[in-house]
Amino acid sequence: MDSNRHIIIMRVDNKPGVLSRIAGLFTRRGYNIDSLVTGPTEDPDVYHMTITVIGEREIIDLLIRQLGRVMEVVEVFCADSDDYVTSELMLLRVSCPLSKRPDMLKLTEIVKVDVAAVNSDSMVLRVIGDDLRHRTVIEAFREFGIERIIRSGPVSIEI
């Protein structure tokens, strides 16, 4: 992971407008959110947010303190250490005419990716892993002709 890319984890109250207030704080501070993933937790009143942002660590620490002042934020911290498991979903649509299908299927087994869907001229692959794994898979399938890449952004959990 890029040394200037930081993963911020938050647990927030499940209330309307929370996401907008948090995104607004980033906007007001002049920071672009690289990725944002949010969803429910084991407690229906609390949502988990994973935000990836690029910036110097000192500025990120200041941003985390400011996020902690938002009323609906229950907990906020940076997940940059090895004490976290981080993973991301990527869907990759690759050109795959029938003549290339055996080679493509062989490569999916070698690099251990799931085939999510197939039609007459393309294949959608499901890849779960970190940024390095995703870049490796993209390079492996580039020769077939990548039509589209969709990435979820990382999610993290403390070990």
Protein backbone atom coordinates (compact mmCIF):
# COMPACT_ATOMS: atom_id res chain seq x y z
CA MET A 1 0.00 0.00 0.00
CA ASP A 2 1.19 3.54 -0.81
CA SER A 3 2.75 5.11 2.32
CA ASN A 4 0.55 8.18 1.84
CA ARG A 5 -2.65 6.10 1.53
CA HIS A 6 -4.40 5.68 4.87
CA ILE A 7 -7.42 3.64 5.90
CA ILE A 8 -9.73 5.36 8.37
CA ILE A 9 -12.22 3.15 10.18
CA MET A 10 -15.30 4.56 11.84
CA ARG A 11 -18.29 3.24 13.68
CA VAL A 12 -21.14 5.70 13.35
CA ASP A 13 -24.76 6.00 14.45
CA ASN A 14 -27.16 4.63 11.85
CA LYS A 15 -29.00 7.92 11.25
CA PRO A 16 -29.93 9.85 8.10
CA GLY A 17 -27.37 12.42 6.96
CA VAL A 18 -24.33 10.95 8.76
CA LEU A 19 -22.55 10.00 5.53
CA SER A 20 -23.20 13.45 4.10
CA ARG A 21 -21.77 15.19 7.19
CA ILE A 22 -18.65 13.03 7.14
CA ALA A 23 -18.08 13.49 3.40
CA GLY A 24 -18.63 17.23 3.88
CA LEU A 25 -15.87 17.36 6.48
CA PHE A 26 -13.44 15.88 3.95
CA THR A 27 -14.61 18.37 1.31
CA ARG A 28 -14.24 21.37 3.63
CA ARG A 29 -10.68 20.26 4.49
CA GLY A 30 -9.79 19.87 0.80
CA TYR A 31 -9.34 16.10 0.88
CA ASN A 32 -10.56 13.73 -1.77
CA ILE A 33 -11.91 10.41 -0.55
CA ASP A 34 -10.14 7.67 -2.51
CA SER A 35 -12.75 5.07 -1.53
CA LEU A 36 -15.59 4.76 0.94
CA VAL A 37 -17.32 1.55 1.99
CA THR A 38 -20.12 1.53 4.55
CA GLY A 39 -22.51 -1.06 5.88
CA PRO A 40 -24.28 -2.42 8.93
CA THR A 41 -22.52 -4.07 11.86
CA GLU A 42 -23.60 -6.64 14.42
CA ASP A 43 -25.57 -3.76 16.04
CA PRO A 44 -28.36 -2.42 13.77
CA ASP A 45 -27.95 1.05 15.33
CA VAL A 46 -24.27 1.29 14.28
CA TYR A 47 -22.71 1.34 10.82
CA HIS A 48 -19.09 0.59 9.91
CA MET A 49 -17.29 2.98 7.54
CA THR A 50 -13.95 2.35 5.87
CA ILE A 51 -12.56 5.45 4.17
CA THR A 52 -9.34 5.45 2.18
CA VAL A 53 -7.65 8.83 1.83
CA ILE A 54 -4.29 9.97 0.51
CA GLY A 55 -2.27 12.45 2.55
CA GLU A 56 0.52 13.00 5.03
CA ARG A 57 0.11 11.11 8.31
CA GLU A 58 0.13 14.29 10.45
CA ILE A 59 -2.78 15.72 8.44
CA ILE A 60 -4.65 12.41 8.61
CA ASP A 61 -4.25 12.39 12.40
CA LEU A 62 -5.77 15.89 12.51
CA LEU A 63 -8.61 14.75 10.25
CA ILE A 64 -9.27 11.77 12.57
CA ARG A 65 -9.49 14.11 15.58
CA GLN A 66 -11.97 16.31 13.68
CA LEU A 67 -14.04 13.26 12.68
CA GLY A 68 -14.13 12.26 16.34
CA ARG A 69 -15.94 15.51 17.10
CA VAL A 70 -18.85 14.66 14.77
CA MET A 71 -21.75 13.85 17.08
CA GLU A 72 -22.74 10.59 15.34
CA VAL A 73 -19.21 9.15 15.26
CA VAL A 74 -18.95 6.44 17.92
CA GLU A 75 -15.33 5.51 17.21
CA VAL A 76 -12.68 6.56 14.66
CA PHE A 77 -9.08 5.44 14.10
CA CYS A 78 -6.47 4.79 11.43
CA ALA A 79 -5.93 1.16 10.39
CA ASP A 80 -2.42 1.41 8.98
CA SER A 81 -0.75 -1.24 11.15
CA ASP A 82 -0.42 -4.99 10.63
CA ASP A 83 -3.10 -5.54 13.29
CA TYR A 84 -5.81 -5.33 10.60
CA VAL A 85 -7.06 -7.61 7.88
CA THR A 86 -7.87 -5.60 4.77
CA SER A 87 -9.56 -6.85 1.64
CA GLU A 88 -11.25 -5.45 -1.45
CA LEU A 89 -13.58 -6.81 -4.11
CA MET A 90 -12.82 -6.26 -7.80
CA LEU A 91 -14.98 -7.25 -10.76
CA LEU A 92 -13.09 -7.48 -14.02
CA ARG A 93 -14.81 -7.89 -17.40
CA VAL A 94 -12.41 -9.34 -19.95
CA SER A 95 -12.90 -9.97 -23.65
CA CYS A 96 -13.16 -13.70 -24.16
CA PRO A 97 -14.21 -15.02 -27.57
CA LEU A 98 -14.90 -18.77 -27.72
CA SER A 99 -11.51 -19.41 -29.35
CA LYS A 100 -9.70 -17.96 -26.28
CA ARG A 101 -11.95 -19.50 -23.63
CA PRO A 102 -9.75 -22.54 -22.77
CA ASP A 103 -6.69 -20.29 -22.25
CA MET A 104 -8.73 -17.88 -20.16
CA LEU A 105 -10.15 -20.64 -17.94
CA LYS A 106 -6.68 -22.10 -17.44
CA LEU A 107 -5.38 -18.68 -16.33
CA THR A 108 -8.28 -18.24 -13.89
CA GLU A 109 -7.22 -21.49 -12.20
CA ILE A 110 -3.56 -20.48 -12.08
CA VAL A 111 -4.20 -17.07 -10.51
CA LYS A 112 -7.11 -18.40 -8.43
CA VAL A 113 -9.92 -16.05 -9.41
CA ASP A 114 -13.63 -16.83 -9.58
CA VAL A 115 -15.55 -16.70 -12.85
CA ALA A 116 -18.68 -14.74 -11.93
CA ALA A 117 -20.36 -14.70 -15.37
CA VAL A 118 -19.75 -15.72 -18.97
CA ASN A 119 -21.40 -14.72 -22.22
CA SER A 120 -20.50 -15.36 -25.86
CA ASP A 121 -17.69 -12.79 -26.03
CA SER A 122 -16.66 -11.83 -22.48
CA MET A 123 -16.12 -13.12 -18.98
CA VAL A 124 -16.55 -11.41 -15.60
CA LEU A 125 -14.01 -12.33 -12.95
CA ARG A 126 -14.41 -11.84 -9.19
CA VAL A 127 -11.19 -11.08 -7.33
CA ILE A 128 -10.92 -10.65 -3.57
CA GLY A 129 -7.69 -9.44 -2.02
CA ASP A 130 -5.42 -6.49 -1.51
CA ASP A 131 -4.23 -3.86 -3.98
CA LEU A 132 -1.15 -5.88 -4.99
CA ARG A 133 -3.29 -8.93 -5.82
CA HIS A 134 -5.64 -6.80 -7.91
CA ARG A 135 -2.79 -5.22 -9.87
CA THR A 136 -1.29 -8.68 -10.47
CA VAL A 137 -4.59 -10.05 -11.78
CA ILE A 138 -5.08 -7.03 -14.04
CA GLU A 139 -1.64 -7.57 -15.56
CA ALA A 140 -2.29 -11.31 -16.00
CA PHE A 141 -5.48 -10.71 -17.99
CA ARG A 142 -4.42 -7.56 -19.87
CA GLU A 143 -3.48 -9.53 -23.01
CA PHE A 144 -7.08 -10.76 -23.34
CA GLY A 145 -8.42 -7.22 -23.44
CA ILE A 146 -9.85 -5.71 -20.26
CA GLU A 147 -13.21 -4.08 -20.96
CA ARG A 148 -14.06 -2.78 -17.50
CA ILE A 149 -12.74 -2.74 -13.94
CA ILE A 150 -14.93 -2.06 -10.90
CA ARG A 151 -13.39 -1.99 -7.42
CA SER A 152 -15.23 -1.72 -4.11
CA GLY A 153 -12.51 -0.06 -2.09
CA PRO A 154 -10.96 -1.79 0.92
CA VAL A 155 -12.67 -2.86 4.11
CA SER A 156 -10.66 -3.51 7.27
CA ILE A 157 -11.18 -5.25 10.57
CA GLU A 158 -8.91 -5.48 13.59
CA ILE A 159 -7.45 -8.93 14.26
